[in-house]
Amino acid sequence: MVGIHESQLVTGDIVKIQEGMDIPVDMLVFEAHDITTDESALTGEPDAIKKKIYRECLEKRDEIIANGQKNSSKSHDVYSPILMSGTSVKKNFLIY
């Protein structure tokens, strides 16, 4: 693993994130366990937002579609794998 400054990140880089860290760029979560983020700076949402890994989000989406269901604006059955720049990690164990 090589440490670089966040200003040197480019598309495709794999980044290890730690609890309490600010997210420097928009990212997809490919590997993690029990991750939540603080998105209040962007969305105003005061509660921590639970995230899932990309593969799990796709599987859940496909399950909903296969069952003829829809993910309405009132029901977010599919968690997001997206970490947004300007947010911070509240809790995690391993994120790539």
Protein backbone atom coordinates (compact mmCIF):
# COMPACT_ATOMS: atom_id res chain seq x y z
CA MET A 1 0.00 0.00 0.00
CA VAL A 2 1.26 3.44 -0.94
CA GLY A 3 0.30 6.63 0.86
CA ILE A 4 -0.47 9.63 -1.34
CA HIS A 5 -2.08 13.01 -0.78
CA GLU A 6 -5.80 13.19 -1.61
CA SER A 7 -5.08 15.77 -4.34
CA GLN A 8 -3.23 13.03 -6.25
CA LEU A 9 -6.18 10.60 -6.36
CA VAL A 10 -7.39 9.61 -9.81
CA THR A 11 -10.31 7.52 -11.08
CA GLY A 12 -9.73 3.85 -10.31
CA ASP A 13 -7.59 4.35 -7.22
CA ILE A 14 -8.38 2.09 -4.29
CA VAL A 15 -8.56 4.03 -1.04
CA LYS A 16 -8.55 2.73 2.51
CA ILE A 17 -10.81 4.86 4.69
CA GLN A 18 -10.80 4.98 8.48
CA GLU A 19 -13.40 5.99 11.03
CA GLY A 20 -13.55 9.76 11.49
CA MET A 21 -11.90 10.45 8.14
CA ASP A 22 -13.32 13.01 5.73
CA ILE A 23 -14.15 11.58 2.30
CA PRO A 24 -11.83 13.39 -0.15
CA VAL A 25 -13.58 12.35 -3.41
CA ASP A 26 -16.76 10.56 -4.49
CA MET A 27 -16.22 6.80 -4.08
CA LEU A 28 -17.89 3.41 -4.39
CA VAL A 29 -17.65 0.97 -1.49
CA PHE A 30 -16.34 -2.39 -2.72
CA GLU A 31 -15.31 -3.92 0.58
CA ALA A 32 -16.50 -2.91 4.04
CA HIS A 33 -18.20 -4.04 7.21
CA ASP A 34 -20.74 -1.97 9.13
CA ILE A 35 -20.13 1.47 7.62
CA THR A 36 -22.08 4.64 8.27
CA THR A 37 -21.41 8.18 7.08
CA ASP A 38 -22.26 11.68 8.21
CA GLU A 39 -23.80 13.41 5.19
CA SER A 40 -25.28 16.33 7.13
CA ALA A 41 -22.95 18.87 5.48
CA LEU A 42 -24.48 18.01 2.09
CA THR A 43 -28.02 16.87 2.81
CA GLY A 44 -28.87 18.28 6.23
CA GLU A 45 -29.77 14.73 7.35
CA PRO A 46 -28.82 14.58 11.06
CA ASP A 47 -28.74 10.76 11.29
CA ALA A 48 -25.81 8.63 10.19
CA ILE A 49 -26.41 6.98 6.81
CA LYS A 50 -25.77 3.24 6.54
CA LYS A 51 -23.84 2.11 3.45
CA LYS A 52 -23.44 -1.32 1.87
CA ILE A 53 -20.89 -2.69 -0.55
CA TYR A 54 -21.60 -2.32 -4.26
CA ARG A 55 -22.24 -6.04 -4.86
CA GLU A 56 -24.83 -6.24 -2.07
CA CYS A 57 -26.64 -3.17 -3.42
CA LEU A 58 -26.87 -4.73 -6.89
CA GLU A 59 -28.12 -8.03 -5.47
CA LYS A 60 -30.84 -6.28 -3.45
CA ARG A 61 -31.88 -4.18 -6.45
CA ASP A 62 -32.11 -7.29 -8.63
CA GLU A 63 -34.19 -9.06 -5.96
CA ILE A 64 -36.64 -6.14 -5.82
CA ILE A 65 -36.95 -6.09 -9.62
CA ALA A 66 -37.40 -9.88 -9.80
CA ASN A 67 -40.26 -9.66 -7.27
CA GLY A 68 -41.97 -6.92 -9.28
CA GLN A 69 -41.51 -4.40 -6.50
CA LYS A 70 -40.41 -0.79 -6.76
CA ASN A 71 -38.11 1.22 -4.53
CA SER A 72 -40.40 4.17 -3.80
CA SER A 73 -39.28 7.52 -2.48
CA LYS A 74 -40.73 6.55 0.92
CA SER A 75 -38.94 3.21 1.12
CA HIS A 76 -35.23 2.89 0.55
CA ASP A 77 -34.76 -0.87 0.52
CA VAL A 78 -31.52 -0.59 -1.46
CA TYR A 79 -28.71 1.03 0.49
CA SER A 80 -26.25 3.16 -1.42
CA PRO A 81 -22.63 2.13 -2.02
CA ILE A 82 -21.68 5.75 -2.75
CA LEU A 83 -19.51 7.80 -0.42
CA MET A 84 -19.80 11.48 -1.27
CA SER A 85 -16.97 13.97 -1.16
CA GLY A 86 -17.34 16.34 1.77
CA THR A 87 -18.91 13.74 4.05
CA SER A 88 -17.19 11.77 6.81
CA VAL A 89 -17.01 8.18 8.00
CA LYS A 90 -18.80 7.69 11.32
CA LYS A 91 -18.19 3.98 11.82
CA ASN A 92 -16.44 1.28 9.84
CA PHE A 93 -14.22 -1.72 10.11
CA LEU A 94 -12.74 -2.05 6.61
CA ILE A 95 -13.46 0.02 3.51
CA TYR A 96 -11.90 -0.12 0.07
